[in-house]
Amino acid sequence: MDAIATELAQFLVQRLQTVPASSRLLVGISGIPASGKSTLAELVVDNVNEILHGKGGEGDVTAVLVGLDGWHLTRAQLDAFPDPKLAHDRRGAHWTFDGDAYVEFVKSLRLPLSLSSVVTAPSFDHALKDPTPHAVSIHPHHRIVVIEGLYTFLSIEPWRRAGEFLDERWFVDISVEEATRRLVKRHVVSGVAKDKDEAIWRANNNDMPNGQFIIDNLLDPTRRIASVNDPVFTTE
């Protein structure tokens, strides 16, 4: 995946030259679960900053990564749903996120930099299993903002509005069958599932329904990227 990330980073560096100095370049990276979008997003941001600032560059870098997972509803909010068990079982579905808050975040990134102060974004604390508010700071020197997550540019409201604010919408392509194989191993290795049977249940009853929903409700991507296998997902 390194070669793809390098190519995409070079594209963004060139694309930034066409963006007015008062604006940001906003990139959304989406894909179904286990497509490799998170790994790709991290590599692209690292490569952009290396191209512009050198390896291990310090100081004010140009690109910053934001994960959509920060907009998960809290467990307490899920408890308040009419069917709390269903809400917790389906955590990760689009309706278990604060879509309106995500839209407002992306909208704030479109303000002219001369009028923009530091914009903050939440992240997700996997130890606490809840979001952490204001965990990521986006400064005016962050001219490229890469947002990674399942629902970065859905075609339904309120998500559509955020997707339309993006300059680039990249979708990582993978078959549902391959993604399911990767997920089963990931769930077992990470401890999300206690065994393979539970991992298969989670993949088939939550992850892949979410993935199919994304495929069926996607704004047109500006670019499609073939997923590259990661050794961590290799199945026996």
Protein backbone atom coordinates (compact mmCIF):
# COMPACT_ATOMS: atom_id res chain seq x y z
CA MET A 1 0.00 0.00 0.00
CA ASP A 2 3.03 2.28 0.35
CA ALA A 3 3.30 2.89 -3.41
CA ILE A 4 -0.37 3.86 -3.67
CA ALA A 5 -0.09 6.17 -0.66
CA THR A 6 2.98 7.88 -2.14
CA GLU A 7 1.19 8.44 -5.46
CA LEU A 8 -1.88 9.85 -3.73
CA ALA A 9 0.24 12.11 -1.51
CA GLN A 10 2.04 13.53 -4.55
CA PHE A 11 -1.36 14.18 -6.14
CA LEU A 12 -2.54 16.10 -3.06
CA VAL A 13 0.64 18.19 -2.91
CA GLN A 14 0.10 19.18 -6.56
CA ARG A 15 -3.64 19.72 -6.00
CA LEU A 16 -2.93 22.04 -3.07
CA GLN A 17 -1.11 24.40 -5.44
CA THR A 18 -4.45 25.07 -7.17
CA VAL A 19 -6.24 25.90 -3.90
CA PRO A 20 -6.38 29.57 -2.81
CA ALA A 21 -4.08 30.36 0.09
CA SER A 22 -7.12 31.26 2.18
CA SER A 23 -8.67 27.80 1.84
CA ARG A 24 -8.10 24.17 2.77
CA LEU A 25 -8.06 21.02 0.68
CA LEU A 26 -10.54 18.57 2.23
CA VAL A 27 -10.23 14.86 1.49
CA GLY A 28 -12.65 12.15 2.60
CA ILE A 29 -11.56 8.51 2.53
CA SER A 30 -14.29 5.90 2.85
CA GLY A 31 -14.75 2.18 2.32
CA ILE A 32 -16.58 -0.73 3.85
CA PRO A 33 -15.21 -2.28 7.07
CA ALA A 34 -11.74 -3.87 6.65
CA SER A 35 -11.12 -2.20 3.30
CA GLY A 36 -7.87 -0.71 4.61
CA LYS A 37 -9.03 2.91 4.56
CA SER A 38 -7.53 3.76 7.97
CA THR A 39 -4.09 2.46 7.03
CA LEU A 40 -4.24 4.24 3.68
CA ALA A 41 -5.27 7.54 5.28
CA GLU A 42 -2.40 7.42 7.78
CA LEU A 43 0.13 6.67 5.06
CA VAL A 44 -1.15 9.45 2.79
CA VAL A 45 -0.94 12.06 5.55
CA ASP A 46 2.55 10.90 6.56
CA ASN A 47 3.71 10.99 2.94
CA VAL A 48 2.28 14.47 2.30
CA ASN A 49 4.10 15.85 5.32
CA GLU A 50 7.32 14.08 4.36
CA ILE A 51 7.19 15.51 0.83
CA LEU A 52 6.58 19.03 2.12
CA HIS A 53 8.63 19.04 5.33
CA GLY A 54 11.14 16.20 5.09
CA LYS A 55 11.32 12.88 6.88
CA GLY A 56 10.53 13.25 10.55
CA GLY A 57 9.81 16.93 9.96
CA GLU A 58 9.02 18.96 13.03
CA GLY A 59 6.96 22.08 13.52
CA ASP A 60 3.88 23.14 11.62
CA VAL A 61 3.03 20.32 9.22
CA THR A 62 0.54 20.79 6.40
CA ALA A 63 -1.62 17.66 6.53
CA VAL A 64 -3.65 16.35 9.44
CA LEU A 65 -5.78 13.22 9.86
CA VAL A 66 -9.22 13.12 11.50
CA GLY A 67 -11.10 9.89 12.18
CA LEU A 68 -14.88 9.74 11.91
CA ASP A 69 -14.99 7.39 14.93
CA GLY A 70 -14.85 10.46 17.17
CA TRP A 71 -18.48 11.15 16.27
CA HIS A 72 -19.73 7.86 17.73
CA LEU A 73 -22.60 8.42 20.14
CA THR A 74 -21.54 7.67 23.71
CA ARG A 75 -22.65 4.52 25.48
CA ALA A 76 -24.86 6.68 27.71
CA GLN A 77 -26.57 8.10 24.62
CA LEU A 78 -27.12 4.59 23.28
CA ASP A 79 -28.65 3.64 26.64
CA ALA A 80 -31.30 6.32 26.05
CA PHE A 81 -32.48 4.78 22.75
CA PRO A 82 -35.94 3.15 22.69
CA ASP A 83 -34.16 -0.19 22.23
CA PRO A 84 -30.79 0.16 24.04
CA LYS A 85 -29.74 -3.44 23.34
CA LEU A 86 -30.24 -2.98 19.61
CA ALA A 87 -28.39 0.33 19.71
CA HIS A 88 -25.38 -1.25 21.44
CA ASP A 89 -25.47 -4.35 19.21
CA ARG A 90 -25.52 -2.16 16.09
CA ARG A 91 -22.96 0.37 17.32
CA GLY A 92 -21.12 1.38 14.20
CA ALA A 93 -24.24 1.78 12.05
CA HIS A 94 -24.70 5.31 10.69
CA TRP A 95 -27.56 6.06 13.10
CA THR A 96 -25.24 5.44 16.09
CA PHE A 97 -23.14 8.47 15.08
CA ASP A 98 -23.77 12.19 15.57
CA GLY A 99 -24.07 13.01 11.89
CA ASP A 100 -25.20 16.60 12.46
CA ALA A 101 -22.12 17.40 14.56
CA TYR A 102 -19.88 15.87 11.88
CA VAL A 103 -21.50 18.06 9.22
CA GLU A 104 -20.92 21.18 11.32
CA PHE A 105 -17.26 20.20 11.76
CA VAL A 106 -16.68 19.84 8.01
CA LYS A 107 -18.57 23.08 7.39
CA SER A 108 -16.24 24.90 9.81
CA LEU A 109 -13.23 23.74 7.78
CA ARG A 110 -14.59 25.62 4.77
CA LEU A 111 -14.31 29.02 6.49
CA PRO A 112 -11.56 31.28 5.09
CA LEU A 113 -8.37 30.71 7.04
CA SER A 114 -8.18 34.42 7.82
CA LEU A 115 -11.42 34.04 9.78
CA SER A 116 -10.62 30.63 11.22
CA SER A 117 -9.29 29.93 14.66
CA VAL A 118 -8.29 26.45 15.82
CA VAL A 119 -10.99 23.90 14.97
CA THR A 120 -11.19 20.82 17.17
CA ALA A 121 -12.44 17.30 16.47
CA PRO A 122 -13.19 14.40 18.79
CA SER A 123 -11.39 11.07 18.68
CA PHE A 124 -12.40 7.65 19.97
CA ASP A 125 -10.84 6.16 23.11
CA HIS A 126 -10.89 2.39 22.64
CA ALA A 127 -10.02 1.81 26.29
CA LEU A 128 -13.00 3.85 27.48
CA LYS A 129 -15.10 2.75 24.48
CA ASP A 130 -16.35 6.31 24.11
CA PRO A 131 -15.39 9.48 22.23
CA THR A 132 -12.94 12.03 23.62
CA PRO A 133 -14.06 15.60 22.81
CA HIS A 134 -11.63 18.16 21.35
CA ALA A 135 -8.87 15.57 21.01
CA VAL A 136 -7.59 16.72 17.60
CA SER A 137 -6.69 20.34 16.83
CA ILE A 138 -6.81 21.64 13.27
CA HIS A 139 -4.75 24.84 12.99
CA PRO A 140 -4.74 27.36 10.12
CA HIS A 141 -1.44 25.86 8.92
CA HIS A 142 -3.22 22.55 8.34
CA ARG A 143 -4.05 23.20 4.70
CA ILE A 144 -4.87 19.54 3.93
CA VAL A 145 -7.38 17.75 6.16
CA VAL A 146 -7.94 14.05 5.54
CA ILE A 147 -11.10 12.64 7.12
CA GLU A 148 -11.29 8.85 7.29
CA GLY A 149 -14.31 6.75 8.14
CA LEU A 150 -17.23 4.66 6.98
CA TYR A 151 -19.71 7.47 6.44
CA THR A 152 -17.59 10.42 5.32
CA PHE A 153 -19.68 10.96 2.19
CA LEU A 154 -23.00 9.17 2.34
CA SER A 155 -25.71 10.37 -0.04
CA ILE A 156 -28.36 10.64 2.69
CA GLU A 157 -29.03 13.51 5.08
CA PRO A 158 -27.38 14.89 7.06
CA TRP A 159 -24.23 13.18 5.78
CA ARG A 160 -24.68 14.38 2.19
CA ARG A 161 -23.98 17.98 3.19
CA ALA A 162 -20.58 17.03 4.62
CA GLY A 163 -19.72 14.98 1.54
CA GLU A 164 -20.52 17.90 -0.74
CA PHE A 165 -18.08 20.12 1.19
CA LEU A 166 -15.20 17.74 0.39
CA ASP A 167 -12.83 18.50 -2.49
CA GLU A 168 -11.86 14.84 -2.87
CA ARG A 169 -13.96 11.77 -2.10
CA TRP A 170 -11.88 8.58 -2.24
CA PHE A 171 -13.47 5.16 -1.91
CA VAL A 172 -11.38 2.06 -1.20
CA ASP A 173 -12.79 -0.86 -3.19
CA ILE A 174 -12.89 -4.41 -1.86
CA SER A 175 -15.26 -7.34 -2.27
CA VAL A 176 -17.67 -8.07 0.58
CA GLU A 177 -16.30 -11.62 0.72
CA GLU A 178 -12.68 -10.53 1.19
CA ALA A 179 -13.65 -7.85 3.70
CA THR A 180 -15.57 -10.44 5.72
CA ARG A 181 -12.55 -12.77 5.82
CA ARG A 182 -10.37 -9.90 7.04
CA LEU A 183 -12.91 -8.87 9.67
CA VAL A 184 -13.26 -12.32 11.17
CA LYS A 185 -9.51 -12.52 11.77
CA ARG A 186 -9.32 -8.93 13.02
CA HIS A 187 -12.10 -9.48 15.56
CA VAL A 188 -10.40 -12.59 16.96
CA VAL A 189 -6.89 -11.10 17.04
CA SER A 190 -8.05 -7.83 18.61
CA GLY A 191 -10.23 -9.52 21.21
CA VAL A 192 -13.40 -7.83 19.99
CA ALA A 193 -14.82 -11.36 19.63
CA LYS A 194 -14.04 -14.16 22.05
CA ASP A 195 -13.78 -16.77 19.29
CA LYS A 196 -14.21 -17.32 15.57
CA ASP A 197 -17.94 -18.06 15.83
CA GLU A 198 -18.63 -14.75 17.54
CA ALA A 199 -16.38 -12.97 15.03
CA ILE A 200 -18.37 -14.43 12.14
CA TRP A 201 -21.62 -13.36 13.82
CA ARG A 202 -20.36 -9.79 14.28
CA ALA A 203 -19.14 -9.57 10.70
CA ASN A 204 -22.35 -10.92 9.21
CA ASN A 205 -24.83 -9.15 11.48
CA ASN A 206 -23.28 -5.71 11.97
CA ASP A 207 -20.15 -4.94 9.95
CA MET A 208 -21.23 -6.17 6.55
CA PRO A 209 -24.78 -4.79 6.75
CA ASN A 210 -23.11 -1.44 7.45
CA GLY A 211 -20.79 -2.02 4.50
CA GLN A 212 -23.65 -2.82 2.14
CA PHE A 213 -25.49 0.29 3.33
CA ILE A 214 -22.45 2.39 2.43
CA ILE A 215 -22.24 0.83 -1.04
CA ASP A 216 -25.95 1.53 -1.62
CA ASN A 217 -25.87 5.12 -0.30
CA LEU A 218 -22.65 6.68 -1.52
CA LEU A 219 -22.02 10.06 -3.13
CA ASP A 220 -20.05 9.62 -6.33
CA PRO A 221 -16.37 9.18 -5.42
CA THR A 222 -13.84 11.37 -7.19
CA ARG A 223 -11.46 8.41 -7.12
CA ARG A 224 -11.73 4.66 -6.48
CA ILE A 225 -8.71 2.87 -5.03
CA ALA A 226 -8.24 -0.88 -5.10
CA SER A 227 -7.66 -2.26 -1.62
CA VAL A 228 -4.26 -3.84 -1.08
CA ASN A 229 -4.00 -6.77 1.30
CA ASP A 230 -2.29 -6.17 4.61
CA PRO A 231 -0.36 -9.09 6.20
CA VAL A 232 -2.36 -8.64 9.41
CA PHE A 233 -5.45 -9.77 7.53
CA THR A 234 -3.90 -12.85 5.97
CA THR A 235 -6.10 -15.85 6.68
CA GLU A 236 -4.91 -19.39 7.04
